[in-house]
Amino acid sequence: MNRFPEPLQAELQTDRKTWRLLAPFSYLDPEQGRLTVPPGFETDFASVPRLPVIFDLVGAYGHAAAALHDWLYRTCLLPREDADRVFFNALRSSGIARWRAWLMWGGVRVGGASRYGAG
């Protein structure tokens, strides 16, 4: 079952750091149901340190899951722990290897607290 019913449509903004969603984007989570990110939402996808090894392992993966996770953190629609669980589920649903999804999930658990609810 495809848990992402619509494709992620985004355009790079002039700051060259963020992307703006051009259309609604949904994920069907097994626990939370349909979660829809509205058009116009801006994301930086995965906020990964630009250290070569770390970025190579996780930086270019899971854009759809990362956009959803950014929106969940910005809106506080779900408690942080639940938002992080949705992120892991979305990564796995989009074909990201379990070990890579686990690394990305671990990164948001360790470094995401200060970003939750900010912005």
Protein backbone atom coordinates (compact mmCIF):
# COMPACT_ATOMS: atom_id res chain seq x y z
CA MET A 1 0.00 0.00 0.00
CA ASN A 2 1.31 3.44 -0.95
CA ARG A 3 1.17 5.56 2.19
CA PHE A 4 1.94 8.74 0.19
CA PRO A 5 -1.17 9.19 -2.01
CA GLU A 6 0.08 12.41 -3.66
CA PRO A 7 3.58 13.15 -4.93
CA LEU A 8 5.69 15.69 -3.08
CA GLN A 9 5.70 18.86 -5.20
CA ALA A 10 8.06 21.58 -4.01
CA GLU A 11 10.16 24.38 -5.45
CA LEU A 12 13.48 25.72 -4.21
CA GLN A 13 13.17 29.21 -2.75
CA THR A 14 15.47 32.13 -3.54
CA ASP A 15 17.35 31.66 -0.25
CA ARG A 16 18.52 28.31 -1.73
CA LYS A 17 17.96 26.67 1.68
CA THR A 18 14.22 26.06 1.82
CA TRP A 19 11.62 24.47 -0.39
CA ARG A 20 7.95 25.55 -0.64
CA LEU A 21 5.24 22.95 -1.16
CA LEU A 22 3.20 23.65 -4.29
CA ALA A 23 0.31 21.30 -3.50
CA PRO A 24 -1.16 19.50 -0.50
CA PHE A 25 0.91 16.51 0.51
CA SER A 26 -0.43 13.61 2.60
CA TYR A 27 0.86 10.60 4.45
CA LEU A 28 -1.34 7.75 5.67
CA ASP A 29 0.11 6.74 9.03
CA PRO A 30 -0.93 3.37 10.49
CA GLU A 31 -1.51 4.95 13.93
CA GLN A 32 -2.37 8.63 13.28
CA GLY A 33 -4.36 8.30 10.04
CA ARG A 34 -4.10 10.86 7.23
CA LEU A 35 -1.74 13.74 7.91
CA THR A 36 -1.82 16.50 5.27
CA VAL A 37 0.80 19.20 4.88
CA PRO A 38 -0.75 22.29 3.24
CA PRO A 39 0.57 24.01 0.12
CA GLY A 40 2.83 26.95 0.92
CA PHE A 41 4.55 25.18 3.81
CA GLU A 42 8.33 25.70 3.73
CA THR A 43 10.82 23.00 4.67
CA ASP A 44 14.56 22.46 4.58
CA PHE A 45 13.92 18.71 4.32
CA ALA A 46 16.40 16.94 6.60
CA SER A 47 18.29 19.37 8.85
CA VAL A 48 21.51 17.40 8.76
CA PRO A 49 24.91 18.80 9.73
CA ARG A 50 27.01 19.31 6.62
CA LEU A 51 29.73 17.01 7.93
CA PRO A 52 30.67 14.79 4.97
CA VAL A 53 30.16 11.36 6.54
CA ILE A 54 26.90 12.23 8.30
CA PHE A 55 25.45 14.07 5.31
CA ASP A 56 26.42 11.26 2.94
CA LEU A 57 24.66 8.70 5.15
CA VAL A 58 21.36 10.52 5.67
CA GLY A 59 21.25 13.97 4.03
CA ALA A 60 19.87 13.12 0.62
CA TYR A 61 17.22 10.64 1.72
CA GLY A 62 13.60 10.79 2.81
CA HIS A 63 12.54 14.23 1.57
CA ALA A 64 8.84 13.38 1.82
CA ALA A 65 9.19 12.08 5.38
CA ALA A 66 11.36 15.07 6.32
CA ALA A 67 8.84 17.61 4.98
CA LEU A 68 6.08 15.89 6.96
CA HIS A 69 8.26 15.82 10.09
CA ASP A 70 9.13 19.52 9.75
CA TRP A 71 5.42 20.34 9.53
CA LEU A 72 4.60 18.18 12.56
CA TYR A 73 7.33 19.91 14.56
CA ARG A 74 6.25 23.38 13.47
CA THR A 75 2.54 22.84 14.19
CA CYS A 76 2.88 20.62 17.29
CA LEU A 77 -0.12 18.69 15.96
CA LEU A 78 1.26 15.61 17.72
CA PRO A 79 3.46 15.24 20.78
CA ARG A 80 7.14 15.18 19.82
CA GLU A 81 7.57 11.46 20.45
CA ASP A 82 4.60 10.68 18.19
CA ALA A 83 5.89 13.04 15.48
CA ASP A 84 9.23 11.23 15.55
CA ARG A 85 7.48 7.84 15.32
CA VAL A 86 5.51 9.08 12.28
CA PHE A 87 8.83 10.21 10.76
CA PHE A 88 10.33 6.73 11.19
CA ASN A 89 7.20 5.07 9.75
CA ALA A 90 7.19 7.48 6.79
CA LEU A 91 10.86 6.81 6.10
CA ARG A 92 10.28 3.07 6.07
CA SER A 93 7.12 3.46 3.95
CA SER A 94 9.11 5.36 1.34
CA GLY A 95 11.67 2.57 1.03
CA ILE A 96 14.45 3.92 3.22
CA ALA A 97 16.54 1.08 4.65
CA ARG A 98 15.82 0.25 8.29
CA TRP A 99 19.37 1.13 9.42
CA ARG A 100 19.24 4.52 7.67
CA ALA A 101 15.74 5.26 9.01
CA TRP A 102 16.96 4.35 12.48
CA LEU A 103 19.93 6.76 12.14
CA MET A 104 17.64 9.56 10.99
CA TRP A 105 15.12 8.83 13.76
CA GLY A 106 17.97 8.80 16.31
CA GLY A 107 19.13 12.17 15.02
CA VAL A 108 15.76 13.82 15.59
CA ARG A 109 15.41 12.19 19.02
CA VAL A 110 18.83 13.48 20.10
CA GLY A 111 18.89 16.86 18.36
CA GLY A 112 15.28 17.79 17.71
CA ALA A 113 13.98 18.97 21.08
CA SER A 114 14.98 22.60 20.54
CA ARG A 115 13.27 22.63 17.12
CA TYR A 116 9.93 21.25 18.30
CA GLY A 117 7.41 24.10 18.31
CA ALA A 118 9.96 26.63 17.03
CA GLY A 119 9.09 28.70 14.03
